Protein backbone atom coordinates (compact mmCIF):
# COMPACT_ATOMS: atom_id res chain seq x y z
CA MET A 1 -59.11 -24.67 106.54
CA GLN A 2 -57.12 -27.85 106.95
CA THR A 3 -55.20 -28.98 103.88
CA LYS A 4 -54.68 -32.58 102.79
CA ASN A 5 -51.64 -34.29 104.31
CA ILE A 6 -50.28 -35.71 101.08
CA GLY A 7 -46.61 -36.08 102.06
CA LEU A 8 -45.40 -34.22 98.95
CA ARG A 9 -46.74 -37.02 96.74
CA ASN A 10 -46.72 -36.02 93.08
CA ILE A 11 -45.35 -32.58 93.98
CA GLU A 12 -42.54 -31.66 91.59
CA VAL A 13 -39.75 -30.00 93.57
CA ALA A 14 -36.72 -30.02 91.25
CA ASP A 15 -35.35 -31.04 87.88
CA THR A 16 -33.01 -34.02 87.62
CA LYS A 17 -30.95 -35.61 84.87
CA ILE A 18 -30.14 -38.68 86.95
CA CYS A 19 -33.18 -40.93 86.92
CA ALA A 20 -36.60 -41.28 85.32
CA ILE A 21 -39.40 -43.61 86.40
CA ASP A 22 -42.33 -44.49 84.16
CA GLY A 23 -44.73 -46.06 86.62
CA ILE A 24 -47.40 -46.73 84.03
CA ASN A 25 -45.17 -48.76 81.72
CA GLY A 26 -42.80 -50.16 84.36
CA LYS A 27 -39.64 -48.42 83.17
CA LEU A 28 -36.63 -47.34 85.25
CA ILE A 29 -34.02 -45.21 83.51
CA TYR A 30 -30.54 -44.22 84.77
CA ARG A 31 -29.14 -41.21 82.85
CA GLY A 32 -31.12 -42.28 79.77
CA TYR A 33 -30.25 -46.01 80.00
CA ASP A 34 -32.90 -48.65 80.69
CA ILE A 35 -32.20 -50.64 83.86
CA LEU A 36 -32.96 -53.88 81.99
CA ASP A 37 -30.09 -53.14 79.60
CA LEU A 38 -27.71 -52.16 82.40
CA VAL A 39 -28.22 -55.39 84.35
CA LYS A 40 -27.41 -57.39 81.21
CA LYS A 41 -24.41 -55.42 79.97
CA SER A 42 -23.01 -53.25 82.78
CA SER A 43 -21.39 -53.70 86.19
CA PHE A 44 -22.08 -51.89 89.44
CA GLU A 45 -18.84 -49.92 89.10
CA GLU A 46 -19.75 -48.74 85.61
CA THR A 47 -23.32 -47.95 86.70
CA ALA A 48 -22.09 -45.92 89.68
CA CYS A 49 -19.72 -44.04 87.39
CA LEU A 50 -22.63 -43.38 85.00
CA LEU A 51 -24.75 -41.98 87.82
CA LEU A 52 -21.99 -39.67 89.04
CA ASN A 53 -21.29 -38.40 85.53
CA ASP A 54 -23.57 -37.65 82.62
CA ASP A 55 -22.97 -40.72 80.46
CA LEU A 56 -21.29 -44.11 80.31
CA PRO A 57 -17.56 -43.75 81.02
CA SER A 58 -14.71 -44.29 78.61
CA GLU A 59 -12.35 -47.19 79.27
CA LYS A 60 -9.82 -44.82 80.87
CA VAL A 61 -12.40 -43.06 83.07
CA LEU A 62 -13.83 -46.37 84.29
CA ALA A 63 -10.36 -47.78 85.01
CA ASP A 64 -9.53 -44.68 87.07
CA PHE A 65 -12.88 -44.90 88.88
CA LYS A 66 -12.30 -48.56 89.78
CA LYS A 67 -8.77 -47.79 90.94
CA LYS A 68 -10.06 -45.09 93.30
CA LEU A 69 -12.75 -47.44 94.63
CA VAL A 70 -10.14 -50.07 95.46
CA GLU A 71 -7.82 -47.49 97.03
CA GLY A 72 -10.71 -46.32 99.22
CA ARG A 73 -11.27 -49.77 100.75
CA ASN A 74 -9.94 -48.88 104.16
CA LEU A 75 -11.11 -47.22 107.34
CA PRO A 76 -9.18 -44.76 109.49
CA ASP A 77 -7.77 -46.54 112.54
CA ASN A 78 -9.97 -44.60 114.95
CA VAL A 79 -13.12 -45.39 112.97
CA GLU A 80 -12.30 -49.10 113.15
CA LYS A 81 -11.49 -48.74 116.86
CA ASN A 82 -14.81 -47.03 117.50
CA LEU A 83 -16.62 -49.83 115.68
CA ARG A 84 -15.12 -52.26 118.18
CA ASN A 85 -16.31 -50.10 121.08
CA LEU A 86 -19.99 -50.26 120.08
CA PRO A 87 -22.35 -52.68 121.85
CA LYS A 88 -22.75 -55.86 119.82
CA THR A 89 -26.52 -55.36 119.85
CA ALA A 90 -26.34 -52.02 118.01
CA ASN A 91 -28.64 -51.67 115.01
CA PRO A 92 -26.53 -51.99 111.84
CA MET A 93 -28.14 -48.90 110.28
CA ASP A 94 -27.28 -46.84 113.35
CA VAL A 95 -23.74 -48.16 113.11
CA ILE A 96 -23.42 -47.09 109.47
CA GLN A 97 -24.98 -43.68 110.03
CA SER A 98 -22.70 -42.86 112.94
CA ARG A 99 -19.56 -44.04 111.12
CA VAL A 100 -20.44 -42.04 107.99
CA SER A 101 -20.73 -38.91 110.11
CA GLU A 102 -17.39 -39.77 111.70
CA LEU A 103 -15.72 -40.20 108.29
CA ALA A 104 -16.23 -36.49 107.63
CA ALA A 105 -13.47 -35.75 110.14
CA TYR A 106 -11.02 -37.85 108.11
CA ALA A 107 -11.99 -36.73 104.61
CA LYS A 108 -8.98 -36.08 102.39
CA GLU A 109 -10.96 -33.48 100.46
CA SER A 110 -11.65 -30.30 102.45
CA GLY A 111 -13.19 -28.30 99.62
CA ASP A 112 -16.77 -28.22 98.40
CA ASP A 113 -16.31 -27.81 94.66
CA ARG A 114 -17.55 -30.38 92.14
CA GLU A 115 -14.27 -32.35 91.99
CA ALA A 116 -14.03 -32.52 95.78
CA ASN A 117 -17.60 -33.80 96.01
CA TYR A 118 -16.93 -36.35 93.28
CA ASN A 119 -13.97 -37.71 95.27
CA LYS A 120 -16.03 -37.72 98.48
CA ALA A 121 -18.69 -39.72 96.64
CA ILE A 122 -16.13 -42.35 95.63
CA ASP A 123 -14.81 -42.42 99.19
CA LEU A 124 -18.29 -43.18 100.55
CA ILE A 125 -19.09 -45.76 97.88
CA SER A 126 -15.82 -47.51 98.81
CA LYS A 127 -16.09 -47.32 102.58
CA ILE A 128 -19.72 -48.09 103.39
CA PRO A 129 -19.33 -51.76 102.36
CA ILE A 130 -16.20 -51.96 104.54
CA ILE A 131 -18.11 -50.59 107.54
CA ILE A 132 -20.88 -53.16 107.09
CA ALA A 133 -18.55 -56.13 106.55
CA TYR A 134 -16.37 -55.16 109.51
CA TRP A 135 -19.40 -54.67 111.76
CA GLU A 136 -20.78 -58.11 110.88
CA ARG A 137 -17.42 -59.67 111.78
CA ILE A 138 -16.94 -57.59 114.94
CA ARG A 139 -20.39 -58.23 116.41
CA ASN A 140 -19.87 -61.96 115.90
CA GLU A 141 -16.36 -61.78 117.40
CA LYS A 142 -14.70 -62.93 114.19
CA GLU A 143 -11.40 -61.82 112.76
CA LEU A 144 -11.65 -59.02 110.20
CA ILE A 145 -11.06 -59.96 106.56
CA PRO A 146 -8.86 -57.46 104.68
CA PRO A 147 -10.24 -56.29 101.32
CA SER A 148 -9.05 -58.05 98.18
CA PRO A 149 -7.84 -55.71 95.42
CA LYS A 150 -8.41 -58.41 92.80
CA LEU A 151 -12.16 -58.62 93.46
CA GLY A 152 -14.85 -56.30 92.18
CA HIS A 153 -17.10 -54.21 94.39
CA ALA A 154 -19.76 -56.92 94.82
CA GLY A 155 -17.41 -59.89 95.17
CA ASN A 156 -15.14 -58.11 97.62
CA PHE A 157 -18.01 -57.29 99.96
CA LEU A 158 -19.21 -60.91 100.05
CA TYR A 159 -15.62 -62.04 100.64
CA MET A 160 -15.08 -59.60 103.52
CA LEU A 161 -18.45 -60.52 105.00
CA THR A 162 -18.02 -64.29 104.96
CA GLY A 163 -14.31 -64.96 104.52
CA ASN A 164 -15.07 -67.04 101.43
CA GLU A 165 -14.40 -65.77 97.92
CA PRO A 166 -17.68 -66.11 95.99
CA ASP A 167 -17.80 -67.95 92.70
CA SER A 168 -18.32 -65.90 89.57
CA GLU A 169 -22.06 -66.61 89.34
CA VAL A 170 -22.77 -65.56 92.93
CA ALA A 171 -20.61 -62.44 92.58
CA ARG A 172 -22.46 -61.49 89.38
CA ILE A 173 -25.87 -62.05 90.99
CA PHE A 174 -24.96 -59.71 93.83
CA ASP A 175 -23.47 -57.23 91.34
CA ILE A 176 -26.83 -57.14 89.53
CA CYS A 177 -28.61 -56.58 92.85
CA LEU A 178 -26.42 -53.54 93.45
CA ILE A 179 -27.21 -52.14 89.98
CA LEU A 180 -30.94 -52.55 90.61
CA HIS A 181 -30.85 -50.70 93.92
CA ALA A 182 -28.41 -47.96 92.91
CA GLU A 183 -30.94 -45.25 92.15
CA HIS A 184 -34.69 -44.53 92.24
CA SER A 185 -35.26 -40.80 91.75
CA PHE A 186 -36.73 -38.71 94.60
CA ASN A 187 -37.50 -41.50 97.07
CA ALA A 188 -37.51 -40.66 100.79
CA SER A 189 -33.80 -41.17 101.44
CA THR A 190 -32.68 -39.40 98.27
CA PHE A 191 -34.93 -36.45 99.03
CA ALA A 192 -33.47 -36.35 102.55
CA ALA A 193 -29.96 -36.20 101.06
CA ARG A 194 -30.93 -33.43 98.64
CA GLU A 195 -32.74 -31.43 101.32
CA VAL A 196 -29.66 -31.49 103.56
CA ALA A 197 -27.36 -30.69 100.62
CA SER A 198 -29.58 -27.71 99.77
CA THR A 199 -28.43 -26.07 103.02
CA ARG A 200 -24.83 -26.34 101.74
CA ALA A 201 -24.04 -29.01 104.27
CA HIS A 202 -21.23 -31.34 103.19
CA MET A 203 -21.54 -34.69 101.41
CA TYR A 204 -21.12 -36.80 104.56
CA ALA A 205 -23.93 -34.95 106.36
CA ALA A 206 -26.26 -35.42 103.40
CA VAL A 207 -25.52 -39.15 103.09
CA SER A 208 -25.89 -39.59 106.84
CA ALA A 209 -29.38 -38.07 106.60
CA ALA A 210 -30.20 -40.41 103.71
CA ILE A 211 -29.14 -43.42 105.78
CA GLY A 212 -31.41 -42.25 108.59
CA ALA A 213 -34.36 -42.07 106.20
CA LEU A 214 -33.53 -45.46 104.71
CA SER A 215 -33.55 -47.10 108.14
CA GLY A 216 -37.32 -46.79 108.45
CA GLU A 217 -39.33 -49.93 107.74
CA LEU A 218 -41.55 -48.09 105.26
CA HIS A 219 -38.50 -47.42 103.08
CA GLY A 220 -35.39 -49.58 103.30
CA GLY A 221 -36.62 -52.13 105.82
CA ALA A 222 -39.34 -53.68 103.67
CA ASN A 223 -37.35 -56.65 102.37
CA PHE A 224 -36.49 -57.60 105.95
CA GLN A 225 -40.24 -57.80 106.62
CA VAL A 226 -40.71 -59.91 103.47
CA MET A 227 -38.18 -62.46 104.67
CA LYS A 228 -39.84 -62.59 108.08
CA MET A 229 -43.08 -63.37 106.26
CA LEU A 230 -41.47 -66.16 104.22
CA LEU A 231 -39.91 -67.73 107.30
CA GLU A 232 -43.27 -67.63 109.05
CA ILE A 233 -44.99 -69.32 106.10
CA LYS A 234 -42.18 -71.94 105.92
CA SER A 235 -43.61 -74.14 103.17
CA GLU A 236 -45.58 -73.95 99.92
CA ASP A 237 -48.62 -75.76 101.31
CA LYS A 238 -49.19 -72.98 103.86
CA VAL A 239 -48.99 -70.02 101.48
CA GLU A 240 -52.63 -69.83 100.42
CA SER A 241 -54.13 -70.00 103.91
CA TRP A 242 -51.55 -67.55 105.26
CA ILE A 243 -52.24 -64.97 102.56
CA LYS A 244 -56.02 -65.32 102.80
CA ASP A 245 -55.91 -64.93 106.58
CA ARG A 246 -53.82 -61.75 106.36
CA LEU A 247 -56.00 -60.18 103.70
CA ALA A 248 -59.17 -61.08 105.64
CA LYS A 249 -57.75 -59.06 108.54
CA GLY A 250 -57.13 -56.10 106.24
CA GLU A 251 -53.35 -56.44 106.56
CA ARG A 252 -50.77 -55.75 103.86
CA ILE A 253 -48.74 -58.42 102.12
CA MET A 254 -45.19 -57.09 102.20
CA GLY A 255 -43.43 -56.92 98.85
CA MET A 256 -46.66 -56.42 96.89
CA GLY A 257 -47.70 -53.06 95.43
CA HIS A 258 -45.75 -49.86 94.89
CA ALA A 259 -46.43 -46.15 95.29
CA VAL A 260 -45.06 -45.36 91.81
CA TYR A 261 -45.31 -48.47 89.64
CA LYS A 262 -48.83 -49.29 88.45
CA THR A 263 -47.57 -52.37 86.65
CA PHE A 264 -44.66 -54.78 87.19
CA ASP A 265 -41.67 -53.19 88.93
CA PRO A 266 -38.83 -53.88 86.43
CA ARG A 267 -36.42 -54.54 89.30
CA ALA A 268 -38.71 -57.28 90.62
CA GLU A 269 -38.71 -58.87 87.18
CA VAL A 270 -34.92 -59.24 87.32
CA LEU A 271 -34.80 -60.28 90.98
CA ARG A 272 -37.38 -62.99 90.39
CA GLU A 273 -34.98 -64.66 87.96
CA LEU A 274 -32.01 -64.20 90.33
CA SER A 275 -33.99 -65.80 93.15
CA ARG A 276 -34.90 -68.71 90.89
CA ARG A 277 -31.26 -69.25 89.91
CA LEU A 278 -30.08 -69.20 93.51
CA SER A 279 -32.86 -71.55 94.58
CA GLU A 280 -31.72 -74.07 91.97
CA LYS A 281 -28.09 -73.57 92.96
CA THR A 282 -28.62 -73.94 96.72
CA GLY A 283 -31.64 -76.28 96.84
CA GLN A 284 -33.50 -73.86 99.10
CA PRO A 285 -37.30 -73.45 98.72
CA TRP A 286 -37.58 -69.68 99.03
CA TYR A 287 -38.10 -68.87 95.35
CA ARG A 288 -41.03 -71.28 95.06
CA ILE A 289 -42.64 -69.96 98.24
CA THR A 290 -42.16 -66.37 97.07
CA LYS A 291 -43.65 -67.12 93.67
CA MET A 292 -46.70 -68.62 95.36
CA VAL A 293 -47.03 -65.52 97.58
CA GLU A 294 -47.02 -63.41 94.42
CA ASP A 295 -49.57 -65.57 92.59
CA VAL A 296 -51.99 -66.04 95.51
CA THR A 297 -51.89 -62.37 96.48
CA GLU A 298 -52.60 -61.27 92.92
CA GLU A 299 -55.51 -63.71 92.67
CA GLU A 300 -57.03 -62.73 96.01
CA MET A 301 -56.64 -58.99 95.47
CA LYS A 302 -58.40 -59.37 92.13
CA LYS A 303 -61.34 -60.94 93.97
CA ILE A 304 -61.36 -58.37 96.78
CA LYS A 305 -60.77 -55.13 94.90
CA GLY A 306 -61.17 -56.12 91.29
CA SER A 307 -57.77 -54.64 90.47
CA ASP A 308 -54.29 -55.91 89.78
CA ILE A 309 -51.40 -55.81 92.23
CA PHE A 310 -47.80 -56.50 91.30
CA PRO A 311 -44.62 -57.41 93.21
CA ASN A 312 -42.14 -54.67 94.04
CA VAL A 313 -38.37 -54.79 94.40
CA ASP A 314 -38.56 -56.13 97.98
CA LEU A 315 -40.48 -59.35 97.29
CA TYR A 316 -37.71 -61.21 95.51
CA SER A 317 -34.71 -59.32 96.91
CA ALA A 318 -35.52 -60.81 100.33
CA SER A 319 -35.08 -64.42 99.24
CA THR A 320 -32.15 -63.51 96.98
CA TYR A 321 -30.17 -61.98 99.84
CA TYR A 322 -31.14 -64.79 102.19
CA MET A 323 -29.84 -67.43 99.78
CA LEU A 324 -26.63 -65.43 99.35
CA GLY A 325 -26.07 -66.06 103.07
CA ILE A 326 -26.60 -62.45 104.09
CA PRO A 327 -28.04 -61.95 107.61
CA MET A 328 -31.56 -60.51 107.46
CA ASP A 329 -30.75 -57.39 109.45
CA LEU A 330 -28.12 -56.50 106.84
CA ASN A 331 -30.71 -56.26 104.05
CA THR A 332 -31.20 -52.54 104.56
CA PRO A 333 -27.46 -51.81 104.99
CA ILE A 334 -26.87 -53.58 101.66
CA PHE A 335 -29.49 -51.30 100.16
CA ALA A 336 -27.26 -48.46 101.42
CA ILE A 337 -24.15 -49.99 99.79
CA SER A 338 -25.85 -49.67 96.43
CA ARG A 339 -27.91 -46.51 96.90
CA THR A 340 -24.88 -44.48 98.03
CA SER A 341 -24.05 -44.06 94.35
CA GLY A 342 -27.46 -42.54 93.70
CA TRP A 343 -27.44 -40.40 96.84
CA THR A 344 -24.06 -38.91 96.08
CA ALA A 345 -25.03 -38.23 92.46
CA HIS A 346 -28.07 -36.31 93.70
CA VAL A 347 -26.01 -34.35 96.23
CA ILE A 348 -23.68 -33.24 93.45
CA GLU A 349 -26.63 -32.32 91.22
CA GLU A 350 -28.26 -30.42 94.09
CA LYS A 351 -25.11 -28.44 94.75
CA PHE A 352 -24.12 -27.77 91.14
CA ALA A 353 -27.30 -27.62 89.06
CA GLU A 354 -26.38 -26.09 85.73
CA ALA A 355 -29.64 -25.62 83.83
CA GLN A 356 -32.45 -23.69 85.48
CA PRO A 357 -30.95 -23.68 88.98
CA LYS A 358 -33.53 -23.64 91.73
CA PRO A 359 -33.42 -21.45 94.85
CA MET A 360 -31.07 -22.86 97.46
CA LEU A 361 -32.56 -24.38 100.61
CA TYR A 362 -35.73 -26.43 100.52
CA ARG A 363 -38.40 -24.71 102.58
CA PRO A 364 -41.88 -26.20 102.12
CA LYS A 365 -44.90 -24.46 103.56
CA ALA A 366 -47.17 -26.00 106.20
CA VAL A 367 -50.77 -25.10 106.98
CA TYR A 368 -51.27 -24.43 110.69
CA VAL A 369 -54.38 -26.21 111.99
CA GLY A 370 -53.69 -25.99 115.74
CA LYS A 371 -55.28 -23.95 118.52
CA TYR A 372 -56.23 -20.40 117.55
CA CYS A 373 -57.21 -17.78 120.12
CA GLY A 374 -57.35 -14.64 118.02
CA PRO A 375 -54.80 -12.26 116.43
CA SER A 376 -52.81 -11.90 119.64
CA GLY A 377 -52.63 -15.60 120.38
CA CYS A 378 -53.82 -17.48 123.44
CA GLU A 379 -53.68 -15.84 126.87
CA TYR A 380 -50.81 -17.10 129.00
CA VAL A 381 -52.11 -18.38 132.34
CA PRO A 382 -49.60 -18.58 135.21
CA LEU A 383 -48.76 -22.12 136.27
CA GLU A 384 -50.35 -21.82 139.73
CA LYS A 385 -53.67 -20.73 138.24
CA ARG A 386 -53.99 -23.43 135.60
CA ILE A 387 -56.59 -26.13 136.01
CA GLN A 388 -54.68 -29.36 135.98
CA ALA A 389 -56.07 -32.30 134.05
CA THR A 390 -56.63 -35.41 136.16
């Protein structure tokens, strides 16, 4: 009998101390701390350190963590050389995935104990933004911008990307974006990382797998699709007709609805305000258009299905990144900049679970529903005697 193809939805596969999601009440928790508190009081560096450890760091631990992040802002010469050898049309996610795999050959840490994995995590958190910034410069035939040790993680990336040091407000807005995207429990890319880590593969292999999963448009590519939608709509007066036309055709409105949250995605709540601030700062219309997309979609879906629909993290992150001057095809790579902290935390937890350790190696069971010709299988017919389909 054929089973339901549910894609592991709602199947509990492991314990975690890293992240909790309350989809009914719209709560996202990192190591016990509400995301809405972290975006007000923390920084990306502190949040990444929290995820990799079990609590907020002391002043000394955070200072050491930041120092290691700054020291890791470099690429081996051959990795940079190989970036220059890629075709300029290469997909940025493919570029990142291939360079992360390559970094394994240059890792300073050869061991696989907890401390070695912790240092590999910091190395990846440091270097993935460098890969993305360098690739954006290389593909546009611009001179590379060396990292600035005086800038934080968020500000340094924007500086290396554009060549212009961002003002404090812009740097903080991007810093908050990184906090919001840093972790989200057993999403597709995180599960991919944990599954690979469960085989005792190394950190770089696990993160490379996560990047591959993130590259799909159903996961990390959604905010790119949102921005395409906004650019197609172009102006506020076209929002209502555009949304109604799409819904009449039975098509989705990107950035609306979530598989886990049954109410407002707390990340979208923060990003909505960031988009509004940037719209006022830059004079661009994208916040107002996005807000109308949200309002019209909610109203129309109420009429069609009699139920509520809420924006997810992608709806307002699209316009936020666009107004920060970030190319649209770098939206998903920027997701990777942030989520590397969560991925690496999960790899460490997968490898070194302390309480109630699970069996190593994920091995789900499938139900075979293919051809069945009896206990001995189907009879093999020689090639010359087979009836060929026309």
